[in-house]
Amino acid sequence: MIVVMGATGATGTALLHSLRTLDAPVRALTRTPHRPLPAAAGVRLRPVQVQHADATDPDSLRSAFQGATQLFLAMANGPAQVELETRVIDIAARAGIGHIVKISAPAAEPDSPVAVSRGHHTVEEHLRASGLTHTVLRPYAFMQNLLRLAPTVAQGLVLGAMGDAPCNYVDCRDIGDVAAAALTRADVAGGSYTLTGPQAVAHPDLAARLTTLTGRPVRYVDLAPAELRDTLVRRGGMPDWLAAHVAEIQQLAVARPETPTGTVAGILGRPPRTLDAFLDEHRDHFRA
């Protein structure tokens, strides 16, 4: 039995579909079990067990992990992430789970300039010390997060603090497919993988693609990191820590120019999904 934490998130949802397509036994964990899981239209797939579990509730985790052999660990970034993920790992180890696939982040280093990445490094070290077989996935920017730009795109703007530095984007569905491979293939399990799409795209180029997609002018406005943080908090309603994280990862891309890897293609035997295909798939979202 494979347990999936974060089953209603973008990556967890993609992983569930991949595992069901492979006819793997899956238990989806969610804090809102009454909320139905997304269905694959027109496709008949193995049913998924859905069970309530909360990382802040050890008893719910112990119950959810019973009879499971593998765990997919993905949690939303946040101030409590290190505490919660290390707790999950400890409970999983005691419950008899033998393999954990963890979603981490690029630059997961002890001295990373990105606070969230430093936290992921701490969790990775805890996972190594656990003695469990573990697979670490380090995806770059999710294409799905670009959907959040729609309100400013409607105003003809893309805001950032990256200048013309390229950014690696990756589709969450490719991350889900790679995670499914790690959970079902011995040749993939146990590795550490940096995941990107096929092309790194700078913000000015992104704005140009959105101009073509929407049929109206969209321009990139480059801000100082502090100004971007303030704008995200004041206009976007982001919590301070998240706005700081966005600015930090954009500055990391400036300091360490991003280039695509061939990891997704190497594992899946097919090219990763492209940014243009993703934008075209969601053209109505940006045109609204």
C-alpha atoms as a PDB file:
ATOM      1  CA  MET A   1       0.000   0.000   0.000  1.00  0.00           C
ATOM      2  CA  ILE A   2       1.241   3.463  -0.972  1.00  0.00           C
ATOM      3  CA  VAL A   3       0.166   6.369   1.224  1.00  0.00           C
ATOM      4  CA  VAL A   4      -0.046   9.801  -0.386  1.00  0.00           C
ATOM      5  CA  MET A   5       0.127  12.879   1.838  1.00  0.00           C
ATOM      6  CA  GLY A   6      -1.038  16.134   0.285  1.00  0.00           C
ATOM      7  CA  ALA A   7      -3.429  14.206  -1.924  1.00  0.00           C
ATOM      8  CA  THR A   8      -5.558  17.238  -2.845  1.00  0.00           C
ATOM      9  CA  GLY A   9      -2.606  19.446  -3.844  1.00  0.00           C
ATOM     10  CA  ALA A  10      -1.457  19.870  -7.427  1.00  0.00           C
ATOM     11  CA  THR A  11       1.372  17.353  -7.162  1.00  0.00           C
ATOM     12  CA  GLY A  12      -0.545  14.904  -4.983  1.00  0.00           C
ATOM     13  CA  THR A  13      -3.503  14.935  -7.369  1.00  0.00           C
ATOM     14  CA  ALA A  14      -1.178  14.263 -10.303  1.00  0.00           C
ATOM     15  CA  LEU A  15       0.508  11.425  -8.416  1.00  0.00           C
ATOM     16  CA  LEU A  16      -2.820   9.809  -7.554  1.00  0.00           C
ATOM     17  CA  HIS A  17      -3.765   9.756 -11.218  1.00  0.00           C
ATOM     18  CA  SER A  18      -0.386   8.267 -12.181  1.00  0.00           C
ATOM     19  CA  LEU A  19      -0.578   5.540  -9.524  1.00  0.00           C
ATOM     20  CA  ARG A  20      -4.166   4.668 -10.402  1.00  0.00           C
ATOM     21  CA  THR A  21      -3.190   4.404 -14.059  1.00  0.00           C
ATOM     22  CA  LEU A  22      -0.509   1.934 -12.968  1.00  0.00           C
ATOM     23  CA  ASP A  23      -3.151   0.050 -10.925  1.00  0.00           C
ATOM     24  CA  ALA A  24      -1.144   0.548  -7.729  1.00  0.00           C
ATOM     25  CA  PRO A  25      -2.919   0.315  -4.343  1.00  0.00           C
ATOM     26  CA  VAL A  26      -3.220   3.829  -2.933  1.00  0.00           C
ATOM     27  CA  ARG A  27      -4.430   5.454   0.272  1.00  0.00           C
ATOM     28  CA  ALA A  28      -4.951   9.202  -0.055  1.00  0.00           C
ATOM     29  CA  LEU A  29      -4.594  11.274   3.098  1.00  0.00           C
ATOM     30  CA  THR A  30      -6.404  14.555   3.480  1.00  0.00           C
ATOM     31  CA  ARG A  31      -7.469  16.901   6.247  1.00  0.00           C
ATOM     32  CA  THR A  32     -10.825  17.252   4.481  1.00  0.00           C
ATOM     33  CA  PRO A  33     -11.986  13.690   3.674  1.00  0.00           C
ATOM     34  CA  HIS A  34     -15.472  14.945   2.759  1.00  0.00           C
ATOM     35  CA  ARG A  35     -13.952  16.797  -0.198  1.00  0.00           C
ATOM     36  CA  PRO A  36     -14.071  14.496  -3.251  1.00  0.00           C
ATOM     37  CA  LEU A  37     -10.819  13.741  -5.030  1.00  0.00           C
ATOM     38  CA  PRO A  38     -10.589  14.895  -8.663  1.00  0.00           C
ATOM     39  CA  ALA A  39     -11.797  12.248 -11.085  1.00  0.00           C
ATOM     40  CA  ALA A  40     -10.287  11.353 -14.424  1.00  0.00           C
ATOM     41  CA  ALA A  41     -13.083  11.956 -16.911  1.00  0.00           C
ATOM     42  CA  GLY A  42     -13.882   8.972 -19.069  1.00  0.00           C
ATOM     43  CA  VAL A  43     -11.235   6.784 -17.455  1.00  0.00           C
ATOM     44  CA  ARG A  44     -12.041   3.842 -15.246  1.00  0.00           C
ATOM     45  CA  LEU A  45      -9.317   3.501 -12.616  1.00  0.00           C
ATOM     46  CA  ARG A  46      -8.710   1.584  -9.408  1.00  0.00           C
ATOM     47  CA  PRO A  47     -10.600   3.138  -6.451  1.00  0.00           C
ATOM     48  CA  VAL A  48      -8.574   5.089  -3.911  1.00  0.00           C
ATOM     49  CA  GLN A  49      -8.882   4.721  -0.169  1.00  0.00           C
ATOM     50  CA  VAL A  50      -9.426   8.161   1.338  1.00  0.00           C
ATOM     51  CA  GLN A  51      -8.552   8.680   4.991  1.00  0.00           C
ATOM     52  CA  HIS A  52      -8.406  11.673   7.294  1.00  0.00           C
ATOM     53  CA  ALA A  53      -4.954  12.544   8.611  1.00  0.00           C
ATOM     54  CA  ASP A  54      -3.317  15.696   9.885  1.00  0.00           C
ATOM     55  CA  ALA A  55       0.416  16.166  10.410  1.00  0.00           C
ATOM     56  CA  THR A  56      -0.364  17.944  13.679  1.00  0.00           C
ATOM     57  CA  ASP A  57      -2.218  14.851  14.960  1.00  0.00           C
ATOM     58  CA  PRO A  58       0.160  11.904  15.528  1.00  0.00           C
ATOM     59  CA  ASP A  59      -2.686   9.488  16.265  1.00  0.00           C
ATOM     60  CA  SER A  60      -4.256  10.172  12.865  1.00  0.00           C
ATOM     61  CA  LEU A  61      -0.897   9.524  11.186  1.00  0.00           C
ATOM     62  CA  ARG A  62      -0.350   6.244  13.024  1.00  0.00           C
ATOM     63  CA  SER A  63      -3.785   5.083  11.913  1.00  0.00           C
ATOM     64  CA  ALA A  64      -3.222   6.238   8.321  1.00  0.00           C
ATOM     65  CA  PHE A  65       0.132   4.462   8.036  1.00  0.00           C
ATOM     66  CA  GLN A  66      -1.114   1.062   9.199  1.00  0.00           C
ATOM     67  CA  GLY A  67      -0.403  -1.638   6.616  1.00  0.00           C
ATOM     68  CA  ALA A  68       1.469   0.754   4.312  1.00  0.00           C
ATOM     69  CA  THR A  69       4.932   0.120   2.904  1.00  0.00           C
ATOM     70  CA  GLN A  70       5.607   3.404   1.092  1.00  0.00           C
ATOM     71  CA  LEU A  71       4.856   7.083   1.699  1.00  0.00           C
ATOM     72  CA  PHE A  72       4.759  10.109  -0.566  1.00  0.00           C
ATOM     73  CA  LEU A  73       5.538  13.147   1.581  1.00  0.00           C
ATOM     74  CA  ALA A  74       4.544  16.551   0.225  1.00  0.00           C
ATOM     75  CA  MET A  75       3.493  19.399   2.461  1.00  0.00           C
ATOM     76  CA  ALA A  76       2.881  23.052   1.779  1.00  0.00           C
ATOM     77  CA  ASN A  77       5.856  25.237   2.543  1.00  0.00           C
ATOM     78  CA  GLY A  78       5.470  27.101   5.804  1.00  0.00           C
ATOM     79  CA  PRO A  79       7.093  28.049   9.102  1.00  0.00           C
ATOM     80  CA  ALA A  80       6.160  24.719  10.736  1.00  0.00           C
ATOM     81  CA  GLN A  81       7.227  22.513   7.823  1.00  0.00           C
ATOM     82  CA  VAL A  82      10.454  21.168   9.344  1.00  0.00           C
ATOM     83  CA  GLU A  83       8.765  20.218  12.617  1.00  0.00           C
ATOM     84  CA  LEU A  84       5.828  18.559  10.883  1.00  0.00           C
ATOM     85  CA  GLU A  85       7.775  16.652   8.223  1.00  0.00           C
ATOM     86  CA  THR A  86      10.335  15.278  10.682  1.00  0.00           C
ATOM     87  CA  ARG A  87       7.457  14.106  12.878  1.00  0.00           C
ATOM     88  CA  VAL A  88       5.840  12.381   9.893  1.00  0.00           C
ATOM     89  CA  ILE A  89       9.127  10.608   9.088  1.00  0.00           C
ATOM     90  CA  ASP A  90       9.533   9.361  12.658  1.00  0.00           C
ATOM     91  CA  ILE A  91       5.970   8.060  12.854  1.00  0.00           C
ATOM     92  CA  ALA A  92       6.260   6.438   9.417  1.00  0.00           C
ATOM     93  CA  ALA A  93       9.461   4.644  10.445  1.00  0.00           C
ATOM     94  CA  ARG A  94       7.847   3.294  13.610  1.00  0.00           C
ATOM     95  CA  ALA A  95       4.779   2.217  11.611  1.00  0.00           C
ATOM     96  CA  GLY A  96       6.881   0.007   9.342  1.00  0.00           C
ATOM     97  CA  ILE A  97       6.975   2.144   6.208  1.00  0.00           C
ATOM     98  CA  GLY A  98      10.178   1.303   4.367  1.00  0.00           C
ATOM     99  CA  HIS A  99      10.386   3.895   1.581  1.00  0.00           C
ATOM    100  CA  ILE A 100       9.583   7.610   1.574  1.00  0.00           C
ATOM    101  CA  VAL A 101       9.446   9.806  -1.512  1.00  0.00           C
ATOM    102  CA  LYS A 102       9.858  13.420  -0.399  1.00  0.00           C
ATOM    103  CA  ILE A 103       9.169  16.580  -2.344  1.00  0.00           C
ATOM    104  CA  SER A 104      12.062  18.906  -1.566  1.00  0.00           C
ATOM    105  CA  ALA A 105      13.407  22.018  -3.274  1.00  0.00           C
ATOM    106  CA  PRO A 106      16.372  23.153  -5.352  1.00  0.00           C
ATOM    107  CA  ALA A 107      19.324  24.512  -3.368  1.00  0.00           C
ATOM    108  CA  ALA A 108      18.395  22.399  -0.337  1.00  0.00           C
ATOM    109  CA  GLU A 109      21.642  23.253   1.398  1.00  0.00           C
ATOM    110  CA  PRO A 110      22.532  24.240   4.967  1.00  0.00           C
ATOM    111  CA  ASP A 111      23.704  27.690   3.842  1.00  0.00           C
ATOM    112  CA  SER A 112      21.107  28.243   1.094  1.00  0.00           C
ATOM    113  CA  PRO A 113      20.021  31.878   0.622  1.00  0.00           C
ATOM    114  CA  VAL A 114      16.423  30.586   0.550  1.00  0.00           C
ATOM    115  CA  ALA A 115      15.006  29.913   4.021  1.00  0.00           C
ATOM    116  CA  VAL A 116      12.555  27.285   2.803  1.00  0.00           C
ATOM    117  CA  SER A 117      15.373  25.416   1.060  1.00  0.00           C
ATOM    118  CA  ARG A 118      17.386  25.397   4.290  1.00  0.00           C
ATOM    119  CA  GLY A 119      14.376  23.802   5.949  1.00  0.00           C
ATOM    120  CA  HIS A 120      14.164  21.150   3.249  1.00  0.00           C
ATOM    121  CA  HIS A 121      17.844  20.384   3.806  1.00  0.00           C
ATOM    122  CA  THR A 122      17.139  19.804   7.501  1.00  0.00           C
ATOM    123  CA  VAL A 123      14.310  17.414   6.655  1.00  0.00           C
ATOM    124  CA  GLU A 124      16.437  15.600   4.074  1.00  0.00           C
ATOM    125  CA  GLU A 125      19.155  15.088   6.693  1.00  0.00           C
ATOM    126  CA  HIS A 126      16.567  13.720   9.123  1.00  0.00           C
ATOM    127  CA  LEU A 127      15.325  11.372   6.425  1.00  0.00           C
ATOM    128  CA  ARG A 128      18.845  10.098   5.776  1.00  0.00           C
ATOM    129  CA  ALA A 129      19.403   9.547   9.491  1.00  0.00           C
ATOM    130  CA  SER A 130      16.171   7.533   9.723  1.00  0.00           C
ATOM    131  CA  GLY A 131      17.742   4.640   7.836  1.00  0.00           C
ATOM    132  CA  LEU A 132      14.694   4.360   5.556  1.00  0.00           C
ATOM    133  CA  THR A 133      15.023   3.987   1.820  1.00  0.00           C
ATOM    134  CA  HIS A 134      14.243   7.455   0.510  1.00  0.00           C
ATOM    135  CA  THR A 135      13.852   9.241  -2.798  1.00  0.00           C
ATOM    136  CA  VAL A 136      14.203  13.013  -2.937  1.00  0.00           C
ATOM    137  CA  LEU A 137      12.554  15.036  -5.702  1.00  0.00           C
ATOM    138  CA  ARG A 138      13.716  18.633  -6.124  1.00  0.00           C
ATOM    139  CA  PRO A 139      11.371  20.307  -8.605  1.00  0.00           C
ATOM    140  CA  TYR A 140      11.795  23.876  -9.758  1.00  0.00           C
ATOM    141  CA  ALA A 141       8.916  26.342 -10.226  1.00  0.00           C
ATOM    142  CA  PHE A 142       5.521  24.713 -10.759  1.00  0.00           C
ATOM    143  CA  MET A 143       3.799  25.725 -13.983  1.00  0.00           C
ATOM    144  CA  GLN A 144       0.522  25.461 -12.091  1.00  0.00           C
ATOM    145  CA  ASN A 145       1.576  28.385  -9.871  1.00  0.00           C
ATOM    146  CA  LEU A 146       1.545  30.630 -12.944  1.00  0.00           C
ATOM    147  CA  LEU A 147      -2.246  30.482 -12.802  1.00  0.00           C
ATOM    148  CA  ARG A 148      -2.008  32.815  -9.812  1.00  0.00           C
ATOM    149  CA  LEU A 149      -0.703  35.527 -12.135  1.00  0.00           C
ATOM    150  CA  ALA A 150      -4.073  35.867 -13.871  1.00  0.00           C
ATOM    151  CA  PRO A 151      -5.214  38.967 -11.912  1.00  0.00           C
ATOM    152  CA  THR A 152      -2.100  40.974 -12.810  1.00  0.00           C
ATOM    153  CA  VAL A 153      -2.010  39.573 -16.347  1.00  0.00           C
ATOM    154  CA  ALA A 154      -5.532  40.978 -16.715  1.00  0.00           C
ATOM    155  CA  GLN A 155      -3.968  44.356 -15.927  1.00  0.00           C
ATOM    156  CA  GLY A 156      -1.273  43.762 -18.549  1.00  0.00           C
ATOM    157  CA  LEU A 157       1.474  43.092 -16.023  1.00  0.00           C
ATOM    158  CA  VAL A 158       3.810  40.363 -14.814  1.00  0.00           C
ATOM    159  CA  LEU A 159       5.659  41.420 -11.672  1.00  0.00           C
ATOM    160  CA  GLY A 160       8.953  39.987 -10.483  1.00  0.00           C
ATOM    161  CA  ALA A 161      12.477  40.611  -9.242  1.00  0.00           C
ATOM    162  CA  MET A 162      14.451  38.428 -11.638  1.00  0.00           C
ATOM    163  CA  GLY A 163      15.527  40.802 -14.388  1.00  0.00           C
ATOM    164  CA  ASP A 164      16.138  38.663 -17.449  1.00  0.00           C
ATOM    165  CA  ALA A 165      17.338  35.608 -15.488  1.00  0.00           C
ATOM    166  CA  PRO A 166      15.856  32.354 -16.850  1.00  0.00           C
ATOM    167  CA  CYS A 167      13.499  30.330 -14.674  1.00  0.00           C
ATOM    168  CA  ASN A 168      13.024  26.564 -14.810  1.00  0.00           C
ATOM    169  CA  TYR A 169       9.340  25.640 -14.892  1.00  0.00           C
ATOM    170  CA  VAL A 170       8.012  22.107 -14.495  1.00  0.00           C
ATOM    171  CA  ASP A 171       4.477  20.748 -14.813  1.00  0.00           C
ATOM    172  CA  CYS A 172       3.164  19.128 -11.620  1.00  0.00           C
ATOM    173  CA  ARG A 173       1.881  16.248 -13.732  1.00  0.00           C
ATOM    174  CA  ASP A 174       5.461  15.414 -14.683  1.00  0.00           C
ATOM    175  CA  ILE A 175       6.455  15.563 -11.017  1.00  0.00           C
ATOM    176  CA  GLY A 176       3.592  13.168 -10.257  1.00  0.00           C
ATOM    177  CA  ASP A 177       4.722  10.790 -12.981  1.00  0.00           C
ATOM    178  CA  VAL A 178       8.302  10.796 -11.666  1.00  0.00           C
ATOM    179  CA  ALA A 179       7.056  10.233  -8.099  1.00  0.00           C
ATOM    180  CA  ALA A 180       4.956   7.306  -9.319  1.00  0.00           C
ATOM    181  CA  ALA A 181       8.040   5.842 -11.003  1.00  0.00           C
ATOM    182  CA  ALA A 182       9.988   6.165  -7.749  1.00  0.00           C
ATOM    183  CA  LEU A 183       7.198   4.361  -5.887  1.00  0.00           C
ATOM    184  CA  THR A 184       6.837   1.526  -8.394  1.00  0.00           C
ATOM    185  CA  ARG A 185      10.270   1.050 -10.008  1.00  0.00           C
ATOM    186  CA  ALA A 186      13.326  -0.262  -8.188  1.00  0.00           C
ATOM    187  CA  ASP A 187      15.642   1.464 -10.674  1.00  0.00           C
ATOM    188  CA  VAL A 188      14.314   4.882  -9.658  1.00  0.00           C
ATOM    189  CA  ALA A 189      13.760   4.433  -5.916  1.00  0.00           C
ATOM    190  CA  GLY A 190      16.517   5.699  -3.660  1.00  0.00           C
ATOM    191  CA  GLY A 191      17.835   8.524  -5.833  1.00  0.00           C
ATOM    192  CA  SER A 192      17.849  12.313  -5.640  1.00  0.00           C
ATOM    193  CA  TYR A 193      16.451  14.066  -8.706  1.00  0.00           C
ATOM    194  CA  THR A 194      16.285  17.691  -9.840  1.00  0.00           C
ATOM    195  CA  LEU A 195      13.190  18.163 -11.988  1.00  0.00           C
ATOM    196  CA  THR A 196      12.609  20.807 -14.655  1.00  0.00           C
ATOM    197  CA  GLY A 197      10.719  21.279 -17.850  1.00  0.00           C
ATOM    198  CA  PRO A 198      12.509  21.336 -21.209  1.00  0.00           C
ATOM    199  CA  GLN A 199      13.270  25.074 -21.239  1.00  0.00           C
ATOM    200  CA  ALA A 200      14.177  27.845 -18.781  1.00  0.00           C
ATOM    201  CA  VAL A 201      12.143  30.977 -19.545  1.00  0.00           C
ATOM    202  CA  ALA A 202      12.856  34.534 -18.367  1.00  0.00           C
ATOM    203  CA  HIS A 203      10.035  36.782 -17.165  1.00  0.00           C
ATOM    204  CA  PRO A 204      10.200  39.135 -20.182  1.00  0.00           C
ATOM    205  CA  ASP A 205       9.783  36.085 -22.438  1.00  0.00           C
ATOM    206  CA  LEU A 206       6.914  34.852 -20.251  1.00  0.00           C
ATOM    207  CA  ALA A 207       5.184  38.222 -20.661  1.00  0.00           C
ATOM    208  CA  ALA A 208       5.665  38.021 -24.436  1.00  0.00           C
ATOM    209  CA  ARG A 209       4.117  34.544 -24.514  1.00  0.00           C
ATOM    210  CA  LEU A 210       1.168  35.765 -22.459  1.00  0.00           C
ATOM    211  CA  THR A 211       0.770  38.686 -24.873  1.00  0.00           C
ATOM    212  CA  THR A 212       0.456  36.232 -27.765  1.00  0.00           C
ATOM    213  CA  LEU A 213      -1.831  33.949 -25.765  1.00  0.00           C
ATOM    214  CA  THR A 214      -4.278  36.614 -24.592  1.00  0.00           C
ATOM    215  CA  GLY A 215      -4.151  38.923 -27.589  1.00  0.00           C
ATOM    216  CA  ARG A 216      -3.503  41.930 -25.356  1.00  0.00           C
ATOM    217  CA  PRO A 217      -0.227  43.563 -24.294  1.00  0.00           C
ATOM    218  CA  VAL A 218       1.424  42.076 -21.213  1.00  0.00           C
ATOM    219  CA  ARG A 219       4.713  43.540 -19.990  1.00  0.00           C
ATOM    220  CA  TYR A 220       7.168  42.487 -17.341  1.00  0.00           C
ATOM    221  CA  VAL A 221       7.859  44.967 -14.540  1.00  0.00           C
ATOM    222  CA  ASP A 222      11.106  44.281 -12.706  1.00  0.00           C
ATOM    223  CA  LEU A 223      11.044  45.327  -9.054  1.00  0.00           C
ATOM    224  CA  ALA A 224      13.640  45.441  -6.312  1.00  0.00           C
ATOM    225  CA  PRO A 225      13.284  42.383  -4.036  1.00  0.00           C
ATOM    226  CA  ALA A 226      12.008  44.482  -1.116  1.00  0.00           C
ATOM    227  CA  GLU A 227       9.465  46.166  -3.378  1.00  0.00           C
ATOM    228  CA  LEU A 228       8.270  42.802  -4.680  1.00  0.00           C
ATOM    229  CA  ARG A 229       7.834  41.507  -1.117  1.00  0.00           C
ATOM    230  CA  ASP A 230       5.848  44.609  -0.164  1.00  0.00           C
ATOM    231  CA  THR A 231       3.678  44.341  -3.275  1.00  0.00           C
ATOM    232  CA  LEU A 232       2.900  40.664  -2.662  1.00  0.00           C
ATOM    233  CA  VAL A 233       1.878  41.397   0.928  1.00  0.00           C
ATOM    234  CA  ARG A 234       0.003  44.625   0.281  1.00  0.00           C
ATOM    235  CA  ARG A 235      -1.673  43.825  -3.035  1.00  0.00           C
ATOM    236  CA  GLY A 236      -1.591  40.038  -3.081  1.00  0.00           C
ATOM    237  CA  GLY A 237      -2.491  39.374   0.540  1.00  0.00           C
ATOM    238  CA  MET A 238       0.462  36.996   1.012  1.00  0.00           C
ATOM    239  CA  PRO A 239       1.797  36.305   4.502  1.00  0.00           C
ATOM    240  CA  ASP A 240       5.156  37.943   5.128  1.00  0.00           C
ATOM    241  CA  TRP A 241       7.111  34.676   5.120  1.00  0.00           C
ATOM    242  CA  LEU A 242       5.688  33.591   1.754  1.00  0.00           C
ATOM    243  CA  ALA A 243       6.348  36.959   0.107  1.00  0.00           C
ATOM    244  CA  ALA A 244       9.923  36.795   1.407  1.00  0.00           C
ATOM    245  CA  HIS A 245      10.225  33.263  -0.014  1.00  0.00           C
ATOM    246  CA  VAL A 246       9.093  34.358  -3.470  1.00  0.00           C
ATOM    247  CA  ALA A 247      11.640  37.173  -3.485  1.00  0.00           C
ATOM    248  CA  GLU A 248      14.380  34.840  -2.241  1.00  0.00           C
ATOM    249  CA  ILE A 249      13.833  32.195  -4.909  1.00  0.00           C
ATOM    250  CA  GLN A 250      13.760  34.834  -7.634  1.00  0.00           C
ATOM    251  CA  GLN A 251      17.042  36.278  -6.395  1.00  0.00           C
ATOM    252  CA  LEU A 252      18.488  32.765  -6.294  1.00  0.00           C
ATOM    253  CA  ALA A 253      17.695  32.438 -10.003  1.00  0.00           C
ATOM    254  CA  VAL A 254      19.642  35.661 -10.605  1.00  0.00           C
ATOM    255  CA  ALA A 255      22.621  34.468  -8.555  1.00  0.00           C
ATOM    256  CA  ARG A 256      22.571  30.938  -9.971  1.00  0.00           C
ATOM    257  CA  PRO A 257      21.342  30.978 -13.587  1.00  0.00           C
ATOM    258  CA  GLU A 258      18.935  28.098 -14.128  1.00  0.00           C
ATOM    259  CA  THR A 259      19.253  25.528 -16.904  1.00  0.00           C
ATOM    260  CA  PRO A 260      17.002  22.543 -17.643  1.00  0.00           C
ATOM    261  CA  THR A 261      17.941  19.009 -16.704  1.00  0.00           C
ATOM    262  CA  GLY A 262      17.174  15.854 -18.673  1.00  0.00           C
ATOM    263  CA  THR A 263      15.971  14.019 -15.583  1.00  0.00           C
ATOM    264  CA  VAL A 264      12.251  13.856 -16.404  1.00  0.00           C
ATOM    265  CA  ALA A 265      12.901  12.485 -19.878  1.00  0.00           C
ATOM    266  CA  GLY A 266      15.507  10.067 -18.562  1.00  0.00           C
ATOM    267  CA  ILE A 267      13.118   8.555 -16.023  1.00  0.00           C
ATOM    268  CA  LEU A 268       9.875   8.659 -18.003  1.00  0.00           C
ATOM    269  CA  GLY A 269      11.215   7.941 -21.483  1.00  0.00           C
ATOM    270  CA  ARG A 270       9.366  10.933 -22.928  1.00  0.00           C
ATOM    271  CA  PRO A 271       9.959  14.690 -23.025  1.00  0.00           C
ATOM    272  CA  PRO A 272       8.579  16.798 -20.164  1.00  0.00           C
ATOM    273  CA  ARG A 273       5.546  18.967 -20.837  1.00  0.00           C
ATOM    274  CA  THR A 274       6.342  22.388 -22.279  1.00  0.00           C
ATOM    275  CA  LEU A 275       5.416  25.802 -20.903  1.00  0.00           C
ATOM    276  CA  ASP A 276       3.738  26.748 -24.184  1.00  0.00           C
ATOM    277  CA  ALA A 277       1.517  23.665 -24.026  1.00  0.00           C
ATOM    278  CA  PHE A 278       0.582  24.466 -20.408  1.00  0.00           C
ATOM    279  CA  LEU A 279      -0.277  28.077 -21.196  1.00  0.00           C
ATOM    280  CA  ASP A 280      -2.326  27.062 -24.224  1.00  0.00           C
ATOM    281  CA  GLU A 281      -4.200  24.498 -22.112  1.00  0.00           C
ATOM    282  CA  HIS A 282      -5.163  27.302 -19.703  1.00  0.00           C
ATOM    283  CA  ARG A 283      -5.644  30.114 -22.201  1.00  0.00           C
ATOM    284  CA  ASP A 284      -9.218  30.776 -21.034  1.00  0.00           C
ATOM    285  CA  HIS A 285      -7.959  31.246 -17.466  1.00  0.00           C
ATOM    286  CA  PHE A 286      -5.623  34.050 -18.565  1.00  0.00           C
ATOM    287  CA  ARG A 287      -8.101  35.572 -21.003  1.00  0.00           C
ATOM    288  CA  ALA A 288     -10.859  35.956 -18.403  1.00  0.00           C
END
